[in-house]
Amino acid sequence: MKKLFKFLGLALFVFLIYFGYTTYPKLDLISGFSAKSMASGHFIDHRSQETIEKGDNDIEKITLAKNKIDENGKFATSSVFGFKERKAIYREGLGATLINADFDISKPYKVPKRTKINNNLPFPYGNNEPKVSLPNGMDSVFANIDYEKLEKAVANAFDVNGKINKRTRSVLVIYKDKIIAEKYDTGFDKNSKILGWSMT
């Protein structure tokens, strides 16, 4: 019996060493990703912590992170089992930034000078809605487009029946400067700040 306990103890020790060696370095990535995602989604797109955890951070291993949002301080923190806590701060004009323990949040920062041009022209030449002149809500119909197939293709880009394989948030199809198809996932619209990756 003692040999069995010794064997189990040794096996547990080896497992913990292996787990620590292979997983502990990943905790920094997990908590860092989660904190940055939380800060961006909440302070920029104004989504709730629950929505972000269920829609953005519901990725294998990222779900291990425990997140907190500080409304007054405008920052989010994440950690995994209390280890490797990371912090992402939101600053007006700069967005959300992942910081380290040496970062001085009280230090003044410069904001880029951006020129936002607002005009009364319709899309694609301005910020207003496209001119709508047809009953279907579109501004143009092209004879060379099969709209039924287009609609099916756009619908096929989204998950259905609670699946999370595609995770598409929005699809916008523009042809000859005209919006010919537009669709958004639940909870998103044309004003949503969509998380972008290198292909966007």
C-alpha atoms as a PDB file:
ATOM      1  CA  MET A   1       0.000   0.000   0.000  1.00  0.00           C
ATOM      2  CA  LYS A   2       2.855   2.374   0.853  1.00  0.00           C
ATOM      3  CA  LYS A   3       4.447   1.657  -2.510  1.00  0.00           C
ATOM      4  CA  LEU A   4       1.173   2.594  -4.228  1.00  0.00           C
ATOM      5  CA  PHE A   5       1.000   5.923  -2.385  1.00  0.00           C
ATOM      6  CA  LYS A   6       4.648   6.604  -3.179  1.00  0.00           C
ATOM      7  CA  PHE A   7       4.025   5.838  -6.833  1.00  0.00           C
ATOM      8  CA  LEU A   8       0.937   8.076  -6.936  1.00  0.00           C
ATOM      9  CA  GLY A   9       2.822  10.843  -5.156  1.00  0.00           C
ATOM     10  CA  LEU A  10       5.711  10.589  -7.585  1.00  0.00           C
ATOM     11  CA  ALA A  11       3.325  10.524 -10.554  1.00  0.00           C
ATOM     12  CA  LEU A  12       1.546  13.629  -9.237  1.00  0.00           C
ATOM     13  CA  PHE A  13       4.866  15.392  -8.710  1.00  0.00           C
ATOM     14  CA  VAL A  14       6.005  14.571 -12.261  1.00  0.00           C
ATOM     15  CA  PHE A  15       2.646  15.736 -13.620  1.00  0.00           C
ATOM     16  CA  LEU A  16       2.867  19.056 -11.762  1.00  0.00           C
ATOM     17  CA  ILE A  17       6.419  19.627 -13.000  1.00  0.00           C
ATOM     18  CA  TYR A  18       5.357  18.819 -16.568  1.00  0.00           C
ATOM     19  CA  PHE A  19       2.222  20.961 -16.302  1.00  0.00           C
ATOM     20  CA  GLY A  20       4.185  23.870 -14.876  1.00  0.00           C
ATOM     21  CA  TYR A  21       6.890  23.597 -17.518  1.00  0.00           C
ATOM     22  CA  THR A  22       4.489  23.385 -20.472  1.00  0.00           C
ATOM     23  CA  THR A  23       1.591  25.536 -19.289  1.00  0.00           C
ATOM     24  CA  TYR A  24       2.881  28.232 -16.931  1.00  0.00           C
ATOM     25  CA  PRO A  25       4.577  30.260 -19.712  1.00  0.00           C
ATOM     26  CA  LYS A  26       1.248  30.274 -21.582  1.00  0.00           C
ATOM     27  CA  LEU A  27      -0.561  31.920 -18.674  1.00  0.00           C
ATOM     28  CA  ASP A  28       0.988  35.264 -19.585  1.00  0.00           C
ATOM     29  CA  LEU A  29      -0.435  34.996 -23.099  1.00  0.00           C
ATOM     30  CA  ILE A  30      -3.834  33.867 -21.861  1.00  0.00           C
ATOM     31  CA  SER A  31      -4.270  36.645 -19.314  1.00  0.00           C
ATOM     32  CA  GLY A  32      -2.762  39.237 -21.671  1.00  0.00           C
ATOM     33  CA  PHE A  33      -5.092  38.358 -24.534  1.00  0.00           C
ATOM     34  CA  SER A  34      -8.088  38.282 -22.235  1.00  0.00           C
ATOM     35  CA  ALA A  35      -7.333  41.638 -20.574  1.00  0.00           C
ATOM     36  CA  LYS A  36      -6.767  43.407 -23.902  1.00  0.00           C
ATOM     37  CA  SER A  37      -9.886  41.881 -25.432  1.00  0.00           C
ATOM     38  CA  MET A  38     -11.919  42.841 -22.376  1.00  0.00           C
ATOM     39  CA  ALA A  39     -10.705  46.460 -22.361  1.00  0.00           C
ATOM     40  CA  SER A  40     -11.254  46.934 -26.093  1.00  0.00           C
ATOM     41  CA  GLY A  41     -14.685  45.330 -26.163  1.00  0.00           C
ATOM     42  CA  HIS A  42     -15.955  47.151 -23.093  1.00  0.00           C
ATOM     43  CA  PHE A  43     -14.490  50.648 -23.280  1.00  0.00           C
ATOM     44  CA  ILE A  44     -14.464  51.037 -27.071  1.00  0.00           C
ATOM     45  CA  ASP A  45     -17.511  49.044 -28.199  1.00  0.00           C
ATOM     46  CA  HIS A  46     -19.425  49.387 -24.885  1.00  0.00           C
ATOM     47  CA  ARG A  47     -20.227  45.683 -24.576  1.00  0.00           C
ATOM     48  CA  SER A  48     -20.702  43.927 -21.252  1.00  0.00           C
ATOM     49  CA  GLN A  49     -18.130  41.656 -19.632  1.00  0.00           C
ATOM     50  CA  GLU A  50     -20.478  38.694 -20.018  1.00  0.00           C
ATOM     51  CA  THR A  51     -20.955  39.359 -23.744  1.00  0.00           C
ATOM     52  CA  ILE A  52     -17.199  39.585 -24.320  1.00  0.00           C
ATOM     53  CA  GLU A  53     -16.485  36.430 -22.318  1.00  0.00           C
ATOM     54  CA  LYS A  54     -19.143  34.476 -24.207  1.00  0.00           C
ATOM     55  CA  GLY A  55     -18.458  35.896 -27.663  1.00  0.00           C
ATOM     56  CA  ASP A  56     -14.793  36.942 -27.874  1.00  0.00           C
ATOM     57  CA  ASN A  57     -12.960  35.103 -25.119  1.00  0.00           C
ATOM     58  CA  ASP A  58     -14.738  31.756 -25.384  1.00  0.00           C
ATOM     59  CA  ILE A  59     -11.628  30.207 -26.897  1.00  0.00           C
ATOM     60  CA  GLU A  60      -9.842  27.128 -25.601  1.00  0.00           C
ATOM     61  CA  LYS A  61      -7.490  28.091 -22.750  1.00  0.00           C
ATOM     62  CA  ILE A  62      -8.597  31.770 -22.870  1.00  0.00           C
ATOM     63  CA  THR A  63     -11.666  30.674 -20.909  1.00  0.00           C
ATOM     64  CA  LEU A  64      -9.302  29.907 -18.007  1.00  0.00           C
ATOM     65  CA  ALA A  65      -8.828  33.639 -17.424  1.00  0.00           C
ATOM     66  CA  LYS A  66     -10.732  35.408 -14.674  1.00  0.00           C
ATOM     67  CA  ASN A  67     -11.535  38.976 -15.686  1.00  0.00           C
ATOM     68  CA  LYS A  68     -12.364  42.190 -13.858  1.00  0.00           C
ATOM     69  CA  ILE A  69     -13.381  45.565 -15.261  1.00  0.00           C
ATOM     70  CA  ASP A  70     -12.755  48.794 -13.355  1.00  0.00           C
ATOM     71  CA  GLU A  71     -15.151  51.430 -14.687  1.00  0.00           C
ATOM     72  CA  ASN A  72     -13.641  54.339 -12.766  1.00  0.00           C
ATOM     73  CA  GLY A  73     -10.035  53.518 -13.591  1.00  0.00           C
ATOM     74  CA  LYS A  74     -10.972  52.480 -17.136  1.00  0.00           C
ATOM     75  CA  PHE A  75      -8.954  49.292 -17.143  1.00  0.00           C
ATOM     76  CA  ALA A  76      -9.423  45.531 -17.230  1.00  0.00           C
ATOM     77  CA  THR A  77      -7.370  42.873 -15.457  1.00  0.00           C
ATOM     78  CA  SER A  78      -7.143  39.152 -16.101  1.00  0.00           C
ATOM     79  CA  SER A  79      -5.358  36.274 -14.399  1.00  0.00           C
ATOM     80  CA  VAL A  80      -5.320  32.487 -14.541  1.00  0.00           C
ATOM     81  CA  PHE A  81      -5.847  30.756 -11.188  1.00  0.00           C
ATOM     82  CA  GLY A  82      -4.521  33.948  -9.582  1.00  0.00           C
ATOM     83  CA  PHE A  83      -1.252  33.783 -11.543  1.00  0.00           C
ATOM     84  CA  LYS A  84       0.192  36.057 -14.222  1.00  0.00           C
ATOM     85  CA  GLU A  85      -2.220  38.956 -13.821  1.00  0.00           C
ATOM     86  CA  ARG A  86      -2.182  41.322 -16.800  1.00  0.00           C
ATOM     87  CA  LYS A  87      -3.723  44.753 -17.130  1.00  0.00           C
ATOM     88  CA  ALA A  88      -5.057  46.653 -20.134  1.00  0.00           C
ATOM     89  CA  ILE A  89      -5.914  50.341 -19.839  1.00  0.00           C
ATOM     90  CA  TYR A  90      -8.189  52.523 -21.935  1.00  0.00           C
ATOM     91  CA  ARG A  91      -7.081  56.037 -22.846  1.00  0.00           C
ATOM     92  CA  GLU A  92      -9.202  58.423 -24.878  1.00  0.00           C
ATOM     93  CA  GLY A  93      -7.687  58.927 -28.300  1.00  0.00           C
ATOM     94  CA  LEU A  94      -5.370  55.927 -28.007  1.00  0.00           C
ATOM     95  CA  GLY A  95      -7.717  53.051 -27.291  1.00  0.00           C
ATOM     96  CA  ALA A  96      -6.912  50.005 -25.160  1.00  0.00           C
ATOM     97  CA  THR A  97      -3.308  49.069 -24.414  1.00  0.00           C
ATOM     98  CA  LEU A  98      -1.822  46.089 -22.605  1.00  0.00           C
ATOM     99  CA  ILE A  99       0.698  47.352 -20.044  1.00  0.00           C
ATOM    100  CA  ASN A 100       3.305  45.822 -17.745  1.00  0.00           C
ATOM    101  CA  ALA A 101       4.017  46.430 -14.062  1.00  0.00           C
ATOM    102  CA  ASP A 102       6.560  49.175 -14.838  1.00  0.00           C
ATOM    103  CA  PHE A 103       4.119  51.318 -16.806  1.00  0.00           C
ATOM    104  CA  ASP A 104       3.317  54.692 -15.198  1.00  0.00           C
ATOM    105  CA  ILE A 105      -0.387  55.352 -15.783  1.00  0.00           C
ATOM    106  CA  SER A 106      -0.160  58.810 -14.181  1.00  0.00           C
ATOM    107  CA  LYS A 107       2.297  60.038 -16.797  1.00  0.00           C
ATOM    108  CA  PRO A 108       0.771  62.447 -19.363  1.00  0.00           C
ATOM    109  CA  TYR A 109       0.448  61.052 -22.867  1.00  0.00           C
ATOM    110  CA  LYS A 110       0.185  62.531 -26.322  1.00  0.00           C
ATOM    111  CA  VAL A 111      -2.864  61.932 -28.485  1.00  0.00           C
ATOM    112  CA  PRO A 112      -2.456  61.787 -32.270  1.00  0.00           C
ATOM    113  CA  LYS A 113      -4.071  64.666 -34.142  1.00  0.00           C
ATOM    114  CA  ARG A 114      -6.707  63.102 -36.324  1.00  0.00           C
ATOM    115  CA  THR A 115      -8.862  64.918 -38.827  1.00  0.00           C
ATOM    116  CA  LYS A 116     -12.354  63.486 -38.992  1.00  0.00           C
ATOM    117  CA  ILE A 117     -14.160  64.740 -42.051  1.00  0.00           C
ATOM    118  CA  ASN A 118     -17.920  64.897 -41.659  1.00  0.00           C
ATOM    119  CA  ASN A 119     -20.037  65.775 -44.653  1.00  0.00           C
ATOM    120  CA  ASN A 120     -23.582  65.351 -45.867  1.00  0.00           C
ATOM    121  CA  LEU A 121     -22.764  63.183 -48.862  1.00  0.00           C
ATOM    122  CA  PRO A 122     -24.194  59.648 -49.050  1.00  0.00           C
ATOM    123  CA  PHE A 123     -21.992  56.550 -49.009  1.00  0.00           C
ATOM    124  CA  PRO A 124     -19.424  55.970 -50.541  1.00  0.00           C
ATOM    125  CA  TYR A 125     -18.440  59.641 -50.744  1.00  0.00           C
ATOM    126  CA  GLY A 126     -19.512  60.652 -47.267  1.00  0.00           C
ATOM    127  CA  ASN A 127     -20.790  59.490 -43.908  1.00  0.00           C
ATOM    128  CA  ASN A 128     -24.518  59.479 -44.641  1.00  0.00           C
ATOM    129  CA  GLU A 129     -26.697  56.533 -45.584  1.00  0.00           C
ATOM    130  CA  PRO A 130     -26.759  55.507 -49.261  1.00  0.00           C
ATOM    131  CA  LYS A 131     -29.553  57.016 -51.295  1.00  0.00           C
ATOM    132  CA  VAL A 132     -32.485  54.610 -51.300  1.00  0.00           C
ATOM    133  CA  SER A 133     -34.719  54.810 -54.338  1.00  0.00           C
ATOM    134  CA  LEU A 134     -36.063  51.268 -54.575  1.00  0.00           C
ATOM    135  CA  PRO A 135     -38.783  49.499 -52.529  1.00  0.00           C
ATOM    136  CA  ASN A 136     -36.378  46.794 -51.357  1.00  0.00           C
ATOM    137  CA  GLY A 137     -34.293  49.373 -49.498  1.00  0.00           C
ATOM    138  CA  MET A 138     -31.419  49.286 -51.974  1.00  0.00           C
ATOM    139  CA  ASP A 139     -30.157  52.172 -54.041  1.00  0.00           C
ATOM    140  CA  SER A 140     -29.374  50.110 -57.136  1.00  0.00           C
ATOM    141  CA  VAL A 141     -30.117  46.733 -58.673  1.00  0.00           C
ATOM    142  CA  PHE A 142     -27.630  45.148 -61.054  1.00  0.00           C
ATOM    143  CA  ALA A 143     -28.941  42.801 -63.731  1.00  0.00           C
ATOM    144  CA  ASN A 144     -25.746  40.736 -63.692  1.00  0.00           C
ATOM    145  CA  ILE A 145     -26.090  39.787 -60.011  1.00  0.00           C
ATOM    146  CA  ASP A 146     -28.071  36.785 -58.796  1.00  0.00           C
ATOM    147  CA  TYR A 147     -29.414  38.320 -55.579  1.00  0.00           C
ATOM    148  CA  GLU A 148     -30.899  35.049 -54.357  1.00  0.00           C
ATOM    149  CA  LYS A 149     -27.500  33.340 -54.501  1.00  0.00           C
ATOM    150  CA  LEU A 150     -25.860  36.396 -52.965  1.00  0.00           C
ATOM    151  CA  GLU A 151     -28.304  36.362 -50.066  1.00  0.00           C
ATOM    152  CA  LYS A 152     -27.666  32.656 -49.470  1.00  0.00           C
ATOM    153  CA  ALA A 153     -23.889  33.169 -49.590  1.00  0.00           C
ATOM    154  CA  VAL A 154     -24.078  35.987 -47.046  1.00  0.00           C
ATOM    155  CA  ALA A 155     -26.370  33.974 -44.761  1.00  0.00           C
ATOM    156  CA  ASN A 156     -23.995  30.996 -45.029  1.00  0.00           C
ATOM    157  CA  ALA A 157     -21.182  33.108 -43.557  1.00  0.00           C
ATOM    158  CA  PHE A 158     -22.927  33.143 -40.160  1.00  0.00           C
ATOM    159  CA  ASP A 159     -23.352  30.489 -37.493  1.00  0.00           C
ATOM    160  CA  VAL A 160     -26.820  29.021 -36.984  1.00  0.00           C
ATOM    161  CA  ASN A 161     -28.526  27.019 -34.256  1.00  0.00           C
ATOM    162  CA  GLY A 162     -26.123  28.138 -31.538  1.00  0.00           C
ATOM    163  CA  LYS A 163     -22.988  26.845 -33.274  1.00  0.00           C
ATOM    164  CA  ILE A 164     -19.735  28.797 -32.926  1.00  0.00           C
ATOM    165  CA  ASN A 165     -17.697  27.529 -35.861  1.00  0.00           C
ATOM    166  CA  LYS A 166     -17.615  30.639 -38.059  1.00  0.00           C
ATOM    167  CA  ARG A 167     -18.042  33.478 -35.545  1.00  0.00           C
ATOM    168  CA  THR A 168     -18.796  35.984 -38.311  1.00  0.00           C
ATOM    169  CA  ARG A 169     -19.868  39.377 -36.937  1.00  0.00           C
ATOM    170  CA  SER A 170     -20.652  41.256 -40.133  1.00  0.00           C
ATOM    171  CA  VAL A 171     -20.673  40.908 -43.899  1.00  0.00           C
ATOM    172  CA  LEU A 172     -20.760  43.896 -46.223  1.00  0.00           C
ATOM    173  CA  VAL A 173     -20.672  43.409 -49.993  1.00  0.00           C
ATOM    174  CA  ILE A 174     -19.875  46.454 -52.118  1.00  0.00           C
ATOM    175  CA  TYR A 175     -20.080  46.395 -55.906  1.00  0.00           C
ATOM    176  CA  LYS A 176     -19.365  49.449 -58.053  1.00  0.00           C
ATOM    177  CA  ASP A 177     -19.513  51.692 -54.973  1.00  0.00           C
ATOM    178  CA  LYS A 178     -22.940  50.333 -54.043  1.00  0.00           C
ATOM    179  CA  ILE A 179     -23.844  48.247 -50.995  1.00  0.00           C
ATOM    180  CA  ILE A 180     -25.554  45.186 -52.423  1.00  0.00           C
ATOM    181  CA  ALA A 181     -25.638  43.028 -49.280  1.00  0.00           C
ATOM    182  CA  GLU A 182     -25.292  43.709 -45.554  1.00  0.00           C
ATOM    183  CA  LYS A 183     -25.832  41.449 -42.561  1.00  0.00           C
ATOM    184  CA  TYR A 184     -24.835  41.472 -38.876  1.00  0.00           C
ATOM    185  CA  ASP A 185     -24.721  38.895 -36.128  1.00  0.00           C
ATOM    186  CA  THR A 186     -26.943  39.259 -33.070  1.00  0.00           C
ATOM    187  CA  GLY A 187     -25.794  42.149 -30.887  1.00  0.00           C
ATOM    188  CA  PHE A 188     -23.873  43.883 -33.672  1.00  0.00           C
ATOM    189  CA  ASP A 189     -24.804  46.592 -36.149  1.00  0.00           C
ATOM    190  CA  LYS A 190     -23.204  49.058 -38.564  1.00  0.00           C
ATOM    191  CA  ASN A 191     -21.902  51.142 -35.645  1.00  0.00           C
ATOM    192  CA  SER A 192     -20.203  48.250 -33.824  1.00  0.00           C
ATOM    193  CA  LYS A 193     -16.435  48.258 -33.438  1.00  0.00           C
ATOM    194  CA  ILE A 194     -15.495  44.907 -34.925  1.00  0.00           C
ATOM    195  CA  LEU A 195     -12.387  43.098 -33.697  1.00  0.00           C
ATOM    196  CA  GLY A 196      -9.942  43.078 -36.596  1.00  0.00           C
ATOM    197  CA  TRP A 197      -7.172  40.633 -37.419  1.00  0.00           C
ATOM    198  CA  SER A 198      -4.406  40.865 -39.982  1.00  0.00           C
ATOM    199  CA  MET A 199      -6.680  40.019 -42.896  1.00  0.00           C
ATOM    200  CA  THR A 200      -9.114  42.905 -42.341  1.00  0.00           C
END
